[in-house]
Amino acid sequence: MLDLKEKYIVNKQQKQVAVQLDMKTFKRLEEVLEDYALAQYMIESENDEKLSLNEAQVYYKKLKKK
């Protein structure tokens, strides 16, 4: 689990309105979120059509030309 060392930003009424994180923590949190999103995408696309190696190479060559 992440060891968050957050600092809260408050308004005049002392209501928390924002959070401040150090860059190391922010970058780690960003990595965790990206990994989670990728895993979710992989699960969702599990039943999508699969390409053979040759089909994938042809497809990606077309993308590079655009």
PDB file of N, CA and C in Angstrom:
ATOM      1  N   MET A   1       0.842  -1.187   0.000  1.00  0.00           N
ATOM      2  CA  MET A   1       0.000   0.000   0.000  1.00  0.00           C
ATOM      3  C   MET A   1       0.881   1.242   0.000  1.00  0.00           C
ATOM      4  N   LEU A   2       0.348   2.319  -0.528  1.00  0.00           N
ATOM      5  CA  LEU A   2       1.087   3.577  -0.573  1.00  0.00           C
ATOM      6  C   LEU A   2       1.108   4.243   0.796  1.00  0.00           C
ATOM      7  N   ASP A   3       2.274   4.783   1.142  1.00  0.00           N
ATOM      8  CA  ASP A   3       2.405   5.554   2.373  1.00  0.00           C
ATOM      9  C   ASP A   3       2.210   7.016   2.001  1.00  0.00           C
ATOM     10  N   LEU A   4       0.979   7.489   2.101  1.00  0.00           N
ATOM     11  CA  LEU A   4       0.659   8.853   1.687  1.00  0.00           C
ATOM     12  C   LEU A   4       1.018   9.850   2.779  1.00  0.00           C
ATOM     13  N   LYS A   5       1.766  10.868   2.381  1.00  0.00           N
ATOM     14  CA  LYS A   5       2.123  11.954   3.296  1.00  0.00           C
ATOM     15  C   LYS A   5       1.474  13.224   2.755  1.00  0.00           C
ATOM     16  N   GLU A   6       0.158  13.241   2.821  1.00  0.00           N
ATOM     17  CA  GLU A   6      -0.589  14.341   2.239  1.00  0.00           C
ATOM     18  C   GLU A   6      -0.659  15.531   3.189  1.00  0.00           C
ATOM     19  N   LYS A   7      -0.796  16.705   2.584  1.00  0.00           N
ATOM     20  CA  LYS A   7      -1.039  17.940   3.328  1.00  0.00           C
ATOM     21  C   LYS A   7      -2.335  18.509   2.775  1.00  0.00           C
ATOM     22  N   TYR A   8      -3.202  18.944   3.668  1.00  0.00           N
ATOM     23  CA  TYR A   8      -4.491  19.466   3.241  1.00  0.00           C
ATOM     24  C   TYR A   8      -4.439  20.983   3.114  1.00  0.00           C
ATOM     25  N   ILE A   9      -5.038  21.484   2.060  1.00  0.00           N
ATOM     26  CA  ILE A   9      -5.202  22.915   1.853  1.00  0.00           C
ATOM     27  C   ILE A   9      -6.620  23.253   2.302  1.00  0.00           C
ATOM     28  N   VAL A  10      -6.752  24.275   3.140  1.00  0.00           N
ATOM     29  CA  VAL A  10      -8.067  24.632   3.673  1.00  0.00           C
ATOM     30  C   VAL A  10      -8.434  26.054   3.263  1.00  0.00           C
ATOM     31  N   ASN A  11      -9.744  26.305   3.218  1.00  0.00           N
ATOM     32  CA  ASN A  11     -10.218  27.656   2.915  1.00  0.00           C
ATOM     33  C   ASN A  11     -10.355  28.455   4.210  1.00  0.00           C
ATOM     34  N   LYS A  12     -10.936  29.645   4.118  1.00  0.00           N
ATOM     35  CA  LYS A  12     -11.067  30.523   5.290  1.00  0.00           C
ATOM     36  C   LYS A  12     -11.912  29.905   6.396  1.00  0.00           C
ATOM     37  N   GLN A  13     -12.822  29.015   6.011  1.00  0.00           N
ATOM     38  CA  GLN A  13     -13.679  28.346   6.998  1.00  0.00           C
ATOM     39  C   GLN A  13     -13.046  27.049   7.516  1.00  0.00           C
ATOM     40  N   GLN A  14     -11.778  26.838   7.179  1.00  0.00           N
ATOM     41  CA  GLN A  14     -11.028  25.645   7.584  1.00  0.00           C
ATOM     42  C   GLN A  14     -11.582  24.355   6.982  1.00  0.00           C
ATOM     43  N   LYS A  15     -12.304  24.494   5.867  1.00  0.00           N
ATOM     44  CA  LYS A  15     -12.806  23.324   5.144  1.00  0.00           C
ATOM     45  C   LYS A  15     -11.714  22.851   4.185  1.00  0.00           C
ATOM     46  N   GLN A  16     -11.442  21.547   4.186  1.00  0.00           N
ATOM     47  CA  GLN A  16     -10.430  20.995   3.283  1.00  0.00           C
ATOM     48  C   GLN A  16     -10.908  21.123   1.844  1.00  0.00           C
ATOM     49  N   VAL A  17     -10.079  21.754   0.995  1.00  0.00           N
ATOM     50  CA  VAL A  17     -10.467  21.981  -0.394  1.00  0.00           C
ATOM     51  C   VAL A  17      -9.490  21.371  -1.391  1.00  0.00           C
ATOM     52  N   ALA A  18      -8.321  20.940  -0.929  1.00  0.00           N
ATOM     53  CA  ALA A  18      -7.328  20.352  -1.832  1.00  0.00           C
ATOM     54  C   ALA A  18      -6.332  19.537  -1.020  1.00  0.00           C
ATOM     55  N   VAL A  19      -5.562  18.733  -1.752  1.00  0.00           N
ATOM     56  CA  VAL A  19      -4.523  17.914  -1.129  1.00  0.00           C
ATOM     57  C   VAL A  19      -3.210  18.186  -1.844  1.00  0.00           C
ATOM     58  N   GLN A  20      -2.148  18.278  -1.086  1.00  0.00           N
ATOM     59  CA  GLN A  20      -0.818  18.478  -1.654  1.00  0.00           C
ATOM     60  C   GLN A  20       0.010  17.227  -1.355  1.00  0.00           C
ATOM     61  N   LEU A  21       0.648  16.673  -2.417  1.00  0.00           N
ATOM     62  CA  LEU A  21       1.495  15.487  -2.276  1.00  0.00           C
ATOM     63  C   LEU A  21       2.899  15.815  -2.755  1.00  0.00           C
ATOM     64  N   ASP A  22       3.902  15.143  -2.183  1.00  0.00           N
ATOM     65  CA  ASP A  22       5.254  15.308  -2.716  1.00  0.00           C
ATOM     66  C   ASP A  22       5.327  14.583  -4.062  1.00  0.00           C
ATOM     67  N   MET A  23       6.300  14.952  -4.892  1.00  0.00           N
ATOM     68  CA  MET A  23       6.385  14.415  -6.256  1.00  0.00           C
ATOM     69  C   MET A  23       6.579  12.902  -6.272  1.00  0.00           C
ATOM     70  N   LYS A  24       7.371  12.361  -5.365  1.00  0.00           N
ATOM     71  CA  LYS A  24       7.599  10.914  -5.331  1.00  0.00           C
ATOM     72  C   LYS A  24       6.276  10.179  -5.103  1.00  0.00           C
ATOM     73  N   THR A  25       5.496  10.650  -4.165  1.00  0.00           N
ATOM     74  CA  THR A  25       4.203  10.032  -3.875  1.00  0.00           C
ATOM     75  C   THR A  25       3.254  10.190  -5.056  1.00  0.00           C
ATOM     76  N   PHE A  26       3.229  11.377  -5.652  1.00  0.00           N
ATOM     77  CA  PHE A  26       2.360  11.619  -6.801  1.00  0.00           C
ATOM     78  C   PHE A  26       2.708  10.687  -7.951  1.00  0.00           C
ATOM     79  N   LYS A  27       4.001  10.551  -8.271  1.00  0.00           N
ATOM     80  CA  LYS A  27       4.428   9.687  -9.378  1.00  0.00           C
ATOM     81  C   LYS A  27       4.046   8.235  -9.097  1.00  0.00           C
ATOM     82  N   ARG A  28       4.217   7.783  -7.867  1.00  0.00           N
ATOM     83  CA  ARG A  28       3.858   6.405  -7.504  1.00  0.00           C
ATOM     84  C   ARG A  28       2.349   6.199  -7.626  1.00  0.00           C
ATOM     85  N   LEU A  29       1.579   7.158  -7.167  1.00  0.00           N
ATOM     86  CA  LEU A  29       0.121   7.084  -7.269  1.00  0.00           C
ATOM     87  C   LEU A  29      -0.311   7.048  -8.730  1.00  0.00           C
ATOM     88  N   GLU A  30       0.347   7.848  -9.557  1.00  0.00           N
ATOM     89  CA  GLU A  30       0.064   7.871 -10.988  1.00  0.00           C
ATOM     90  C   GLU A  30       0.346   6.503 -11.617  1.00  0.00           C
ATOM     91  N   GLU A  31       1.458   5.871 -11.237  1.00  0.00           N
ATOM     92  CA  GLU A  31       1.795   4.531 -11.747  1.00  0.00           C
ATOM     93  C   GLU A  31       0.737   3.505 -11.354  1.00  0.00           C
ATOM     94  N   VAL A  32       0.318   3.558 -10.106  1.00  0.00           N
ATOM     95  CA  VAL A  32      -0.691   2.614  -9.615  1.00  0.00           C
ATOM     96  C   VAL A  32      -1.994   2.774 -10.397  1.00  0.00           C
ATOM     97  N   LEU A  33      -2.411   4.005 -10.626  1.00  0.00           N
ATOM     98  CA  LEU A  33      -3.647   4.255 -11.379  1.00  0.00           C
ATOM     99  C   LEU A  33      -3.530   3.790 -12.826  1.00  0.00           C
ATOM    100  N   GLU A  34      -2.369   4.032 -13.454  1.00  0.00           N
ATOM    101  CA  GLU A  34      -2.168   3.582 -14.831  1.00  0.00           C
ATOM    102  C   GLU A  34      -2.181   2.057 -14.916  1.00  0.00           C
ATOM    103  N   ASP A  35      -1.534   1.396 -13.958  1.00  0.00           N
ATOM    104  CA  ASP A  35      -1.531  -0.069 -13.934  1.00  0.00           C
ATOM    105  C   ASP A  35      -2.946  -0.611 -13.769  1.00  0.00           C
ATOM    106  N   TYR A  36      -3.712   0.011 -12.882  1.00  0.00           N
ATOM    107  CA  TYR A  36      -5.089  -0.417 -12.658  1.00  0.00           C
ATOM    108  C   TYR A  36      -5.923  -0.235 -13.927  1.00  0.00           C
ATOM    109  N   ALA A  37      -5.777   0.923 -14.575  1.00  0.00           N
ATOM    110  CA  ALA A  37      -6.539   1.191 -15.795  1.00  0.00           C
ATOM    111  C   ALA A  37      -6.181   0.193 -16.891  1.00  0.00           C
ATOM    112  N   LEU A  38      -4.902  -0.122 -17.032  1.00  0.00           N
ATOM    113  CA  LEU A  38      -4.478  -1.098 -18.036  1.00  0.00           C
ATOM    114  C   LEU A  38      -5.068  -2.471 -17.732  1.00  0.00           C
ATOM    115  N   ALA A  39      -5.039  -2.869 -16.474  1.00  0.00           N
ATOM    116  CA  ALA A  39      -5.608  -4.166 -16.094  1.00  0.00           C
ATOM    117  C   ALA A  39      -7.102  -4.214 -16.399  1.00  0.00           C
ATOM    118  N   GLN A  40      -7.815  -3.129 -16.099  1.00  0.00           N
ATOM    119  CA  GLN A  40      -9.248  -3.071 -16.394  1.00  0.00           C
ATOM    120  C   GLN A  40      -9.494  -3.176 -17.892  1.00  0.00           C
ATOM    121  N   TYR A  41      -8.693  -2.478 -18.690  1.00  0.00           N
ATOM    122  CA  TYR A  41      -8.842  -2.526 -20.145  1.00  0.00           C
ATOM    123  C   TYR A  41      -8.595  -3.944 -20.657  1.00  0.00           C
ATOM    124  N   MET A  42      -7.593  -4.610 -20.106  1.00  0.00           N
ATOM    125  CA  MET A  42      -7.285  -5.978 -20.531  1.00  0.00           C
ATOM    126  C   MET A  42      -8.449  -6.916 -20.221  1.00  0.00           C
ATOM    127  N   ILE A  43      -9.054  -6.736 -19.068  1.00  0.00           N
ATOM    128  CA  ILE A  43     -10.203  -7.567 -18.689  1.00  0.00           C
ATOM    129  C   ILE A  43     -11.381  -7.296 -19.628  1.00  0.00           C
ATOM    130  N   GLU A  44     -11.652  -6.015 -19.892  1.00  0.00           N
ATOM    131  CA  GLU A  44     -12.779  -5.640 -20.752  1.00  0.00           C
ATOM    132  C   GLU A  44     -12.597  -6.107 -22.193  1.00  0.00           C
ATOM    133  N   SER A  45     -11.365  -6.158 -22.670  1.00  0.00           N
ATOM    134  CA  SER A  45     -11.123  -6.512 -24.073  1.00  0.00           C
ATOM    135  C   SER A  45     -10.796  -7.996 -24.252  1.00  0.00           C
ATOM    136  N   GLU A  46     -11.006  -8.774 -23.211  1.00  0.00           N
ATOM    137  CA  GLU A  46     -10.684 -10.200 -23.237  1.00  0.00           C
ATOM    138  C   GLU A  46     -11.378 -10.935 -24.389  1.00  0.00           C
ATOM    139  N   ASN A  47     -12.605 -10.538 -24.700  1.00  0.00           N
ATOM    140  CA  ASN A  47     -13.377 -11.225 -25.733  1.00  0.00           C
ATOM    141  C   ASN A  47     -13.263 -10.579 -27.112  1.00  0.00           C
ATOM    142  N   ASP A  48     -12.443  -9.545 -27.231  1.00  0.00           N
ATOM    143  CA  ASP A  48     -12.252  -8.892 -28.531  1.00  0.00           C
ATOM    144  C   ASP A  48     -11.539  -9.830 -29.499  1.00  0.00           C
ATOM    145  N   GLU A  49     -11.718  -9.536 -30.784  1.00  0.00           N
ATOM    146  CA  GLU A  49     -11.076 -10.336 -31.825  1.00  0.00           C
ATOM    147  C   GLU A  49      -9.555 -10.265 -31.671  1.00  0.00           C
ATOM    148  N   LYS A  50      -8.912 -11.401 -31.775  1.00  0.00           N
ATOM    149  CA  LYS A  50      -7.453 -11.475 -31.675  1.00  0.00           C
ATOM    150  C   LYS A  50      -6.853 -11.463 -33.072  1.00  0.00           C
ATOM    151  N   LEU A  51      -5.714 -10.777 -33.229  1.00  0.00           N
ATOM    152  CA  LEU A  51      -5.010 -10.736 -34.507  1.00  0.00           C
ATOM    153  C   LEU A  51      -3.840 -11.708 -34.478  1.00  0.00           C
ATOM    154  N   SER A  52      -3.574 -12.312 -35.627  1.00  0.00           N
ATOM    155  CA  SER A  52      -2.360 -13.124 -35.743  1.00  0.00           C
ATOM    156  C   SER A  52      -1.176 -12.166 -35.785  1.00  0.00           C
ATOM    157  N   LEU A  53       0.029 -12.684 -35.655  1.00  0.00           N
ATOM    158  CA  LEU A  53       1.224 -11.842 -35.717  1.00  0.00           C
ATOM    159  C   LEU A  53       1.269 -11.082 -37.030  1.00  0.00           C
ATOM    160  N   ASN A  54       1.017 -11.780 -38.129  1.00  0.00           N
ATOM    161  CA  ASN A  54       1.053 -11.146 -39.447  1.00  0.00           C
ATOM    162  C   ASN A  54      -0.015 -10.057 -39.564  1.00  0.00           C
ATOM    163  N   GLU A  55      -1.224 -10.341 -39.107  1.00  0.00           N
ATOM    164  CA  GLU A  55      -2.304  -9.350 -39.159  1.00  0.00           C
ATOM    165  C   GLU A  55      -1.951  -8.109 -38.327  1.00  0.00           C
ATOM    166  N   ALA A  56      -1.355  -8.334 -37.176  1.00  0.00           N
ATOM    167  CA  ALA A  56      -0.972  -7.221 -36.309  1.00  0.00           C
ATOM    168  C   ALA A  56       0.113  -6.370 -36.957  1.00  0.00           C
ATOM    169  N   GLN A  57       1.094  -7.006 -37.588  1.00  0.00           N
ATOM    170  CA  GLN A  57       2.164  -6.263 -38.254  1.00  0.00           C
ATOM    171  C   GLN A  57       1.612  -5.407 -39.390  1.00  0.00           C
ATOM    172  N   VAL A  58       0.720  -5.970 -40.178  1.00  0.00           N
ATOM    173  CA  VAL A  58       0.098  -5.223 -41.276  1.00  0.00           C
ATOM    174  C   VAL A  58      -0.700  -4.048 -40.714  1.00  0.00           C
ATOM    175  N   TYR A  59      -1.458  -4.296 -39.672  1.00  0.00           N
ATOM    176  CA  TYR A  59      -2.282  -3.258 -39.048  1.00  0.00           C
ATOM    177  C   TYR A  59      -1.421  -2.101 -38.541  1.00  0.00           C
ATOM    178  N   TYR A  60      -0.340  -2.410 -37.815  1.00  0.00           N
ATOM    179  CA  TYR A  60       0.499  -1.361 -37.242  1.00  0.00           C
ATOM    180  C   TYR A  60       1.307  -0.618 -38.297  1.00  0.00           C
ATOM    181  N   LYS A  61       1.650  -1.268 -39.389  1.00  0.00           N
ATOM    182  CA  LYS A  61       2.335  -0.571 -40.486  1.00  0.00           C
ATOM    183  C   LYS A  61       1.413   0.479 -41.090  1.00  0.00           C
ATOM    184  N   LYS A  62       0.126   0.155 -41.196  1.00  0.00           N
ATOM    185  CA  LYS A  62      -0.849   1.116 -41.720  1.00  0.00           C
ATOM    186  C   LYS A  62      -0.977   2.317 -40.783  1.00  0.00           C
ATOM    187  N   LEU A  63      -0.915   2.078 -39.489  1.00  0.00           N
ATOM    188  CA  LEU A  63      -1.021   3.166 -38.520  1.00  0.00           C
ATOM    189  C   LEU A  63       0.159   4.123 -38.628  1.00  0.00           C
ATOM    190  N   LYS A  64       1.351   3.589 -38.848  1.00  0.00           N
ATOM    191  CA  LYS A  64       2.555   4.417 -38.930  1.00  0.00           C
ATOM    192  C   LYS A  64       2.506   5.369 -40.112  1.00  0.00           C
ATOM    193  N   LYS A  65       1.830   4.979 -41.197  1.00  0.00           N
ATOM    194  CA  LYS A  65       1.766   5.795 -42.409  1.00  0.00           C
ATOM    195  C   LYS A  65       0.844   6.994 -42.242  1.00  0.00           C
ATOM    196  N   LYS A  66      -0.080   6.939 -41.311  1.00  0.00           N
ATOM    197  CA  LYS A  66      -1.066   8.022 -41.133  1.00  0.00           C
ATOM    198  C   LYS A  66      -0.464   9.210 -40.445  1.00  0.00           C
TER     199      LYS A  66
END
